PDB file of N, CA and C in Angstrom:
ATOM      1  N   MET A   1     129.547  24.417  -1.891  1.00  0.00           N
ATOM      2  CA  MET A   1     130.018  25.013  -0.660  1.00  0.00           C
ATOM      3  C   MET A   1     130.067  26.530  -0.837  1.00  0.00           C
ATOM      4  N   THR A   2     129.581  27.262   0.157  1.00  0.00           N
ATOM      5  CA  THR A   2     129.566  28.715   0.073  1.00  0.00           C
ATOM      6  C   THR A   2     130.741  29.307   0.840  1.00  0.00           C
ATOM      7  N   ASN A   3     131.069  30.527   0.509  1.00  0.00           N
ATOM      8  CA  ASN A   3     132.102  31.269   1.217  1.00  0.00           C
ATOM      9  C   ASN A   3     131.428  32.181   2.230  1.00  0.00           C
ATOM     10  N   ALA A   4     130.898  31.590   3.276  1.00  0.00           N
ATOM     11  CA  ALA A   4     130.200  32.357   4.299  1.00  0.00           C
ATOM     12  C   ALA A   4     131.185  33.214   5.065  1.00  0.00           C
ATOM     13  N   VAL A   5     130.742  34.383   5.419  1.00  0.00           N
ATOM     14  CA  VAL A   5     131.572  35.315   6.178  1.00  0.00           C
ATOM     15  C   VAL A   5     130.735  35.860   7.324  1.00  0.00           C
ATOM     16  N   VAL A   6     131.341  35.921   8.497  1.00  0.00           N
ATOM     17  CA  VAL A   6     130.705  36.532   9.652  1.00  0.00           C
ATOM     18  C   VAL A   6     131.205  37.962   9.718  1.00  0.00           C
ATOM     19  N   ILE A   7     130.277  38.919   9.762  1.00  0.00           N
ATOM     20  CA  ILE A   7     130.653  40.328   9.814  1.00  0.00           C
ATOM     21  C   ILE A   7     130.082  40.949  11.081  1.00  0.00           C
ATOM     22  N   PHE A   8     130.933  41.679  11.789  1.00  0.00           N
ATOM     23  CA  PHE A   8     130.570  42.350  13.030  1.00  0.00           C
ATOM     24  C   PHE A   8     130.942  43.818  12.877  1.00  0.00           C
ATOM     25  N   ARG A   9     130.024  44.687  13.212  1.00  0.00           N
ATOM     26  CA  ARG A   9     130.298  46.131  13.153  1.00  0.00           C
ATOM     27  C   ARG A   9     129.840  46.739  14.460  1.00  0.00           C
ATOM     28  N   ALA A  10     130.754  47.373  15.165  1.00  0.00           N
ATOM     29  CA  ALA A  10     130.432  48.029  16.431  1.00  0.00           C
ATOM     30  C   ALA A  10     130.779  49.505  16.324  1.00  0.00           C
ATOM     31  N   ILE A  11     129.892  50.327  16.830  1.00  0.00           N
ATOM     32  CA  ILE A  11     130.122  51.767  16.922  1.00  0.00           C
ATOM     33  C   ILE A  11     130.183  52.088  18.409  1.00  0.00           C
ATOM     34  N   VAL A  12     131.308  52.642  18.851  1.00  0.00           N
ATOM     35  CA  VAL A  12     131.514  52.908  20.267  1.00  0.00           C
ATOM     36  C   VAL A  12     131.836  54.384  20.462  1.00  0.00           C
ATOM     37  N   ASP A  13     130.985  55.074  21.224  1.00  0.00           N
ATOM     38  CA  ASP A  13     131.263  56.474  21.549  1.00  0.00           C
ATOM     39  C   ASP A  13     132.096  56.496  22.820  1.00  0.00           C
ATOM     40  N   ILE A  14     133.325  56.917  22.706  1.00  0.00           N
ATOM     41  CA  ILE A  14     134.262  56.927  23.821  1.00  0.00           C
ATOM     42  C   ILE A  14     133.988  58.100  24.751  1.00  0.00           C
ATOM     43  N   GLY A  15     133.469  59.186  24.229  1.00  0.00           N
ATOM     44  CA  GLY A  15     133.127  60.343  25.059  1.00  0.00           C
ATOM     45  C   GLY A  15     134.200  61.407  25.114  1.00  0.00           C
ATOM     46  N   ALA A  16     135.379  61.107  24.613  1.00  0.00           N
ATOM     47  CA  ALA A  16     136.472  62.081  24.597  1.00  0.00           C
ATOM     48  C   ALA A  16     137.277  61.880  23.323  1.00  0.00           C
ATOM     49  N   GLN A  17     137.430  62.946  22.568  1.00  0.00           N
ATOM     50  CA  GLN A  17     138.102  62.856  21.277  1.00  0.00           C
ATOM     51  C   GLN A  17     139.541  62.381  21.414  1.00  0.00           C
ATOM     52  N   ASP A  18     140.282  62.905  22.384  1.00  0.00           N
ATOM     53  CA  ASP A  18     141.684  62.515  22.529  1.00  0.00           C
ATOM     54  C   ASP A  18     141.826  61.045  22.894  1.00  0.00           C
ATOM     55  N   VAL A  19     140.909  60.523  23.693  1.00  0.00           N
ATOM     56  CA  VAL A  19     140.948  59.105  24.065  1.00  0.00           C
ATOM     57  C   VAL A  19     140.613  58.238  22.845  1.00  0.00           C
ATOM     58  N   ALA A  20     139.604  58.643  22.078  1.00  0.00           N
ATOM     59  CA  ALA A  20     139.223  57.878  20.879  1.00  0.00           C
ATOM     60  C   ALA A  20     140.390  57.792  19.904  1.00  0.00           C
ATOM     61  N   TYR A  21     141.067  58.909  19.661  1.00  0.00           N
ATOM     62  CA  TYR A  21     142.205  58.899  18.743  1.00  0.00           C
ATOM     63  C   TYR A  21     143.345  58.046  19.285  1.00  0.00           C
ATOM     64  N   ALA A  22     143.578  58.100  20.587  1.00  0.00           N
ATOM     65  CA  ALA A  22     144.643  57.293  21.192  1.00  0.00           C
ATOM     66  C   ALA A  22     144.331  55.804  21.070  1.00  0.00           C
ATOM     67  N   VAL A  23     143.074  55.430  21.269  1.00  0.00           N
ATOM     68  CA  VAL A  23     142.675  54.026  21.160  1.00  0.00           C
ATOM     69  C   VAL A  23     142.867  53.530  19.733  1.00  0.00           C
ATOM     70  N   VAL A  24     142.429  54.307  18.765  1.00  0.00           N
ATOM     71  CA  VAL A  24     142.586  53.905  17.358  1.00  0.00           C
ATOM     72  C   VAL A  24     144.063  53.794  17.001  1.00  0.00           C
ATOM     73  N   LYS A  25     144.860  54.749  17.451  1.00  0.00           N
ATOM     74  CA  LYS A  25     146.293  54.707  17.163  1.00  0.00           C
ATOM     75  C   LYS A  25     146.942  53.472  17.802  1.00  0.00           C
ATOM     76  N   ALA A  26     146.534  53.143  19.013  1.00  0.00           N
ATOM     77  CA  ALA A  26     147.102  51.992  19.718  1.00  0.00           C
ATOM     78  C   ALA A  26     146.688  50.664  19.086  1.00  0.00           C
ATOM     79  N   LEU A  27     145.455  50.575  18.584  1.00  0.00           N
ATOM     80  CA  LEU A  27     144.942  49.299  18.090  1.00  0.00           C
ATOM     81  C   LEU A  27     145.109  49.087  16.588  1.00  0.00           C
ATOM     82  N   THR A  28     145.468  50.125  15.852  1.00  0.00           N
ATOM     83  CA  THR A  28     145.640  49.975  14.404  1.00  0.00           C
ATOM     84  C   THR A  28     146.663  48.896  14.039  1.00  0.00           C
ATOM     85  N   PRO A  29     147.823  48.814  14.708  1.00  0.00           N
ATOM     86  CA  PRO A  29     148.755  47.718  14.368  1.00  0.00           C
ATOM     87  C   PRO A  29     148.146  46.335  14.592  1.00  0.00           C
ATOM     88  N   GLU A  30     147.340  46.182  15.624  1.00  0.00           N
ATOM     89  CA  GLU A  30     146.678  44.898  15.883  1.00  0.00           C
ATOM     90  C   GLU A  30     145.667  44.576  14.781  1.00  0.00           C
ATOM     91  N   ALA A  31     144.977  45.598  14.299  1.00  0.00           N
ATOM     92  CA  ALA A  31     143.966  45.398  13.257  1.00  0.00           C
ATOM     93  C   ALA A  31     144.599  45.003  11.929  1.00  0.00           C
ATOM     94  N   LYS A  32     145.845  45.397  11.710  1.00  0.00           N
ATOM     95  CA  LYS A  32     146.518  45.080  10.447  1.00  0.00           C
ATOM     96  C   LYS A  32     146.934  43.617  10.356  1.00  0.00           C
ATOM     97  N   VAL A  33     147.046  42.947  11.485  1.00  0.00           N
ATOM     98  CA  VAL A  33     147.427  41.529  11.496  1.00  0.00           C
ATOM     99  C   VAL A  33     146.259  40.707  10.960  1.00  0.00           C
ATOM    100  N   ARG A  34     146.526  39.880   9.964  1.00  0.00           N
ATOM    101  CA  ARG A  34     145.478  39.051   9.372  1.00  0.00           C
ATOM    102  C   ARG A  34     145.812  37.581   9.634  1.00  0.00           C
ATOM    103  N   LEU A  35     145.093  37.005  10.579  1.00  0.00           N
ATOM    104  CA  LEU A  35     145.272  35.598  10.907  1.00  0.00           C
ATOM    105  C   LEU A  35     143.989  34.836  10.617  1.00  0.00           C
ATOM    106  N   ARG A  36     144.133  33.622  10.128  1.00  0.00           N
ATOM    107  CA  ARG A  36     142.988  32.732   9.874  1.00  0.00           C
ATOM    108  C   ARG A  36     141.901  33.390   9.019  1.00  0.00           C
ATOM    109  N   GLY A  37     142.296  34.257   8.106  1.00  0.00           N
ATOM    110  CA  GLY A  37     141.349  34.864   7.189  1.00  0.00           C
ATOM    111  C   GLY A  37     140.504  35.978   7.779  1.00  0.00           C
ATOM    112  N   VAL A  38     140.894  36.495   8.928  1.00  0.00           N
ATOM    113  CA  VAL A  38     140.129  37.542   9.603  1.00  0.00           C
ATOM    114  C   VAL A  38     140.637  38.903   9.152  1.00  0.00           C
ATOM    115  N   LYS A  39     139.708  39.783   8.807  1.00  0.00           N
ATOM    116  CA  LYS A  39     140.024  41.161   8.438  1.00  0.00           C
ATOM    117  C   LYS A  39     139.411  42.072   9.491  1.00  0.00           C
ATOM    118  N   THR A  40     140.230  42.962  10.061  1.00  0.00           N
ATOM    119  CA  THR A  40     139.759  43.880  11.095  1.00  0.00           C
ATOM    120  C   THR A  40     140.089  45.305  10.682  1.00  0.00           C
ATOM    121  N   VAL A  41     139.114  46.196  10.858  1.00  0.00           N
ATOM    122  CA  VAL A  41     139.308  47.611  10.563  1.00  0.00           C
ATOM    123  C   VAL A  41     138.828  48.404  11.770  1.00  0.00           C
ATOM    124  N   ILE A  42     139.637  49.376  12.202  1.00  0.00           N
ATOM    125  CA  ILE A  42     139.243  50.256  13.290  1.00  0.00           C
ATOM    126  C   ILE A  42     139.552  51.683  12.863  1.00  0.00           C
ATOM    127  N   ASN A  43     138.564  52.566  13.031  1.00  0.00           N
ATOM    128  CA  ASN A  43     138.788  53.955  12.656  1.00  0.00           C
ATOM    129  C   ASN A  43     137.840  54.890  13.395  1.00  0.00           C
ATOM    130  N   ILE A  44     138.111  56.176  13.268  1.00  0.00           N
ATOM    131  CA  ILE A  44     137.279  57.217  13.872  1.00  0.00           C
ATOM    132  C   ILE A  44     136.151  57.548  12.897  1.00  0.00           C
ATOM    133  N   VAL A  45     134.917  57.586  13.384  1.00  0.00           N
ATOM    134  CA  VAL A  45     133.783  57.927  12.518  1.00  0.00           C
ATOM    135  C   VAL A  45     133.044  59.169  12.998  1.00  0.00           C
ATOM    136  N   GLY A  46     133.445  59.705  14.105  1.00  0.00           N
ATOM    137  CA  GLY A  46     132.846  60.924  14.636  1.00  0.00           C
ATOM    138  C   GLY A  46     133.862  61.597  15.527  1.00  0.00           C
ATOM    139  N   GLU A  47     133.440  62.615  16.212  1.00  0.00           N
ATOM    140  CA  GLU A  47     134.368  63.351  17.069  1.00  0.00           C
ATOM    141  C   GLU A  47     135.035  62.448  18.099  1.00  0.00           C
ATOM    142  N   SER A  48     134.253  61.601  18.748  1.00  0.00           N
ATOM    143  CA  SER A  48     134.811  60.706  19.766  1.00  0.00           C
ATOM    144  C   SER A  48     134.266  59.286  19.606  1.00  0.00           C
ATOM    145  N   THR A  49     133.937  58.929  18.360  1.00  0.00           N
ATOM    146  CA  THR A  49     133.313  57.641  18.085  1.00  0.00           C
ATOM    147  C   THR A  49     134.234  56.750  17.257  1.00  0.00           C
ATOM    148  N   ILE A  50     134.331  55.507  17.687  1.00  0.00           N
ATOM    149  CA  ILE A  50     135.171  54.522  17.010  1.00  0.00           C
ATOM    150  C   ILE A  50     134.275  53.490  16.332  1.00  0.00           C
ATOM    151  N   GLU A  51     134.666  53.111  15.124  1.00  0.00           N
ATOM    152  CA  GLU A  51     133.991  52.026  14.415  1.00  0.00           C
ATOM    153  C   GLU A  51     134.963  50.848  14.355  1.00  0.00           C
ATOM    154  N   LEU A  52     134.485  49.684  14.759  1.00  0.00           N
ATOM    155  CA  LEU A  52     135.253  48.448  14.692  1.00  0.00           C
ATOM    156  C   LEU A  52     134.495  47.485  13.789  1.00  0.00           C
ATOM    157  N   VAL A  53     135.149  47.019  12.728  1.00  0.00           N
ATOM    158  CA  VAL A  53     134.543  46.070  11.799  1.00  0.00           C
ATOM    159  C   VAL A  53     135.437  44.837  11.733  1.00  0.00           C
ATOM    160  N   ILE A  54     134.825  43.678  11.928  1.00  0.00           N
ATOM    161  CA  ILE A  54     135.552  42.408  11.861  1.00  0.00           C
ATOM    162  C   ILE A  54     134.843  41.513  10.858  1.00  0.00           C
ATOM    163  N   GLU A  55     135.601  40.983   9.905  1.00  0.00           N
ATOM    164  CA  GLU A  55     135.084  40.016   8.935  1.00  0.00           C
ATOM    165  C   GLU A  55     135.877  38.731   9.124  1.00  0.00           C
ATOM    166  N   ALA A  56     135.180  37.632   9.306  1.00  0.00           N
ATOM    167  CA  ALA A  56     135.850  36.351   9.539  1.00  0.00           C
ATOM    168  C   ALA A  56     135.196  35.255   8.700  1.00  0.00           C
ATOM    169  N   PRO A  57     135.968  34.240   8.333  1.00  0.00           N
ATOM    170  CA  PRO A  57     135.436  33.169   7.499  1.00  0.00           C
ATOM    171  C   PRO A  57     134.562  32.170   8.264  1.00  0.00           C
ATOM    172  N   ASP A  58     134.644  32.185   9.597  1.00  0.00           N
ATOM    173  CA  ASP A  58     133.836  31.251  10.383  1.00  0.00           C
ATOM    174  C   ASP A  58     133.597  31.834  11.778  1.00  0.00           C
ATOM    175  N   HIS A  59     132.682  31.204  12.510  1.00  0.00           N
ATOM    176  CA  HIS A  59     132.297  31.720  13.829  1.00  0.00           C
ATOM    177  C   HIS A  59     133.423  31.639  14.856  1.00  0.00           C
ATOM    178  N   SER A  60     134.217  30.603  14.784  1.00  0.00           N
ATOM    179  CA  SER A  60     135.314  30.443  15.729  1.00  0.00           C
ATOM    180  C   SER A  60     136.354  31.551  15.566  1.00  0.00           C
ATOM    181  N   SER A  61     136.739  31.812  14.336  1.00  0.00           N
ATOM    182  CA  SER A  61     137.698  32.884  14.061  1.00  0.00           C
ATOM    183  C   SER A  61     137.122  34.236  14.440  1.00  0.00           C
ATOM    184  N   PHE A  62     135.847  34.428  14.132  1.00  0.00           N
ATOM    185  CA  PHE A  62     135.180  35.678  14.486  1.00  0.00           C
ATOM    186  C   PHE A  62     135.197  35.904  15.991  1.00  0.00           C
ATOM    187  N   ARG A  63     134.805  34.883  16.740  1.00  0.00           N
ATOM    188  CA  ARG A  63     134.732  35.013  18.196  1.00  0.00           C
ATOM    189  C   ARG A  63     136.095  35.369  18.777  1.00  0.00           C
ATOM    190  N   ALA A  64     137.136  34.704  18.311  1.00  0.00           N
ATOM    191  CA  ALA A  64     138.487  34.974  18.811  1.00  0.00           C
ATOM    192  C   ALA A  64     138.910  36.407  18.491  1.00  0.00           C
ATOM    193  N   ALA A  65     138.663  36.843  17.276  1.00  0.00           N
ATOM    194  CA  ALA A  65     139.055  38.204  16.876  1.00  0.00           C
ATOM    195  C   ALA A  65     138.245  39.261  17.613  1.00  0.00           C
ATOM    196  N   ALA A  66     136.936  39.046  17.725  1.00  0.00           N
ATOM    197  CA  ALA A  66     136.080  40.019  18.415  1.00  0.00           C
ATOM    198  C   ALA A  66     136.464  40.126  19.886  1.00  0.00           C
ATOM    199  N   ASN A  67     136.646  38.991  20.542  1.00  0.00           N
ATOM    200  CA  ASN A  67     137.047  39.016  21.956  1.00  0.00           C
ATOM    201  C   ASN A  67     138.377  39.734  22.139  1.00  0.00           C
ATOM    202  N   ALA A  68     139.334  39.441  21.286  1.00  0.00           N
ATOM    203  CA  ALA A  68     140.650  40.070  21.408  1.00  0.00           C
ATOM    204  C   ALA A  68     140.575  41.574  21.207  1.00  0.00           C
ATOM    205  N   MET A  69     139.921  42.013  20.152  1.00  0.00           N
ATOM    206  CA  MET A  69     139.857  43.454  19.878  1.00  0.00           C
ATOM    207  C   MET A  69     139.045  44.199  20.927  1.00  0.00           C
ATOM    208  N   LEU A  70     137.938  43.641  21.364  1.00  0.00           N
ATOM    209  CA  LEU A  70     137.127  44.327  22.376  1.00  0.00           C
ATOM    210  C   LEU A  70     137.858  44.390  23.712  1.00  0.00           C
ATOM    211  N   ARG A  71     138.578  43.324  24.065  1.00  0.00           N
ATOM    212  CA  ARG A  71     139.376  43.356  25.304  1.00  0.00           C
ATOM    213  C   ARG A  71     140.503  44.371  25.207  1.00  0.00           C
ATOM    214  N   LEU A  72     141.187  44.405  24.074  1.00  0.00           N
ATOM    215  CA  LEU A  72     142.259  45.378  23.884  1.00  0.00           C
ATOM    216  C   LEU A  72     141.718  46.803  23.940  1.00  0.00           C
ATOM    217  N   MET A  73     140.565  47.026  23.324  1.00  0.00           N
ATOM    218  CA  MET A  73     139.955  48.351  23.349  1.00  0.00           C
ATOM    219  C   MET A  73     139.614  48.758  24.779  1.00  0.00           C
ATOM    220  N   SER A  74     138.987  47.861  25.509  1.00  0.00           N
ATOM    221  CA  SER A  74     138.610  48.137  26.886  1.00  0.00           C
ATOM    222  C   SER A  74     139.834  48.394  27.762  1.00  0.00           C
ATOM    223  N   SER A  75     140.852  47.565  27.623  1.00  0.00           N
ATOM    224  CA  SER A  75     142.075  47.730  28.414  1.00  0.00           C
ATOM    225  C   SER A  75     142.783  49.039  28.084  1.00  0.00           C
ATOM    226  N   THR A  76     142.819  49.394  26.816  1.00  0.00           N
ATOM    227  CA  THR A  76     143.466  50.631  26.394  1.00  0.00           C
ATOM    228  C   THR A  76     142.743  51.846  26.956  1.00  0.00           C
ATOM    229  N   ILE A  77     141.420  51.836  26.888  1.00  0.00           N
ATOM    230  CA  ILE A  77     140.628  52.943  27.433  1.00  0.00           C
ATOM    231  C   ILE A  77     140.860  53.065  28.935  1.00  0.00           C
ATOM    232  N   GLU A  78     140.834  51.941  29.622  1.00  0.00           N
ATOM    233  CA  GLU A  78     141.047  51.957  31.077  1.00  0.00           C
ATOM    234  C   GLU A  78     142.442  52.485  31.419  1.00  0.00           C
ATOM    235  N   LEU A  79     143.452  52.055  30.692  1.00  0.00           N
ATOM    236  CA  LEU A  79     144.813  52.523  30.940  1.00  0.00           C
ATOM    237  C   LEU A  79     144.930  54.031  30.699  1.00  0.00           C
ATOM    238  N   ILE A  80     144.367  54.517  29.610  1.00  0.00           N
ATOM    239  CA  ILE A  80     144.412  55.951  29.297  1.00  0.00           C
ATOM    240  C   ILE A  80     143.709  56.743  30.406  1.00  0.00           C
ATOM    241  N   ARG A  81     142.579  56.277  30.846  1.00  0.00           N
ATOM    242  CA  ARG A  81     141.845  56.982  31.909  1.00  0.00           C
ATOM    243  C   ARG A  81     142.609  56.982  33.225  1.00  0.00           C
ATOM    244  N   ARG A  82     143.228  55.862  33.562  1.00  0.00           N
ATOM    245  CA  ARG A  82     144.015  55.805  34.809  1.00  0.00           C
ATOM    246  C   ARG A  82     145.238  56.707  34.729  1.00  0.00           C
ATOM    247  N   LEU A  83     145.915  56.697  33.600  1.00  0.00           N
ATOM    248  CA  LEU A  83     147.084  57.565  33.441  1.00  0.00           C
ATOM    249  C   LEU A  83     146.679  59.036  33.476  1.00  0.00           C
ATOM    250  N   GLY A  84     145.521  59.333  32.913  1.00  0.00           N
ATOM    251  CA  GLY A  84     145.022  60.706  32.924  1.00  0.00           C
ATOM    252  C   GLY A  84     144.671  61.201  34.312  1.00  0.00           C
ATOM    253  N   SER A  85     144.210  60.309  35.153  1.00  0.00           N
ATOM    254  CA  SER A  85     143.824  60.713  36.512  1.00  0.00           C
ATOM    255  C   SER A  85     145.048  60.852  37.422  1.00  0.00           C
ATOM    256  N   MET A  86     146.198  60.370  36.973  1.00  0.00           N
ATOM    257  CA  MET A  86     147.407  60.462  37.788  1.00  0.00           C
ATOM    258  C   MET A  86     148.038  61.851  37.698  1.00  0.00           C
ATOM    259  N   SER A  87     147.741  62.584  36.637  1.00  0.00           N
ATOM    260  CA  SER A  87     148.390  63.886  36.480  1.00  0.00           C
ATOM    261  C   SER A  87     147.681  64.989  37.205  1.00  0.00           C
TER     262      SER A  87
END
């Protein structure tokens, strides 16, 4: 039996440095949670670019983690943009 791992790496250019840093700061606590053998890392790799890496022991765990992190990222960006347009 092998120890197969599913690895996902996404590079997302947010387009604004302050938004990218806010997203990483908001999602870092979520990335630290390790459930079902899933490891998630989120960090800044450029001026306004975020790198999201997910390692999971199986496809089911991977899908759940990827969906959760991508939804959280999208929701956070949308919230920051809406709050920014209110001022």
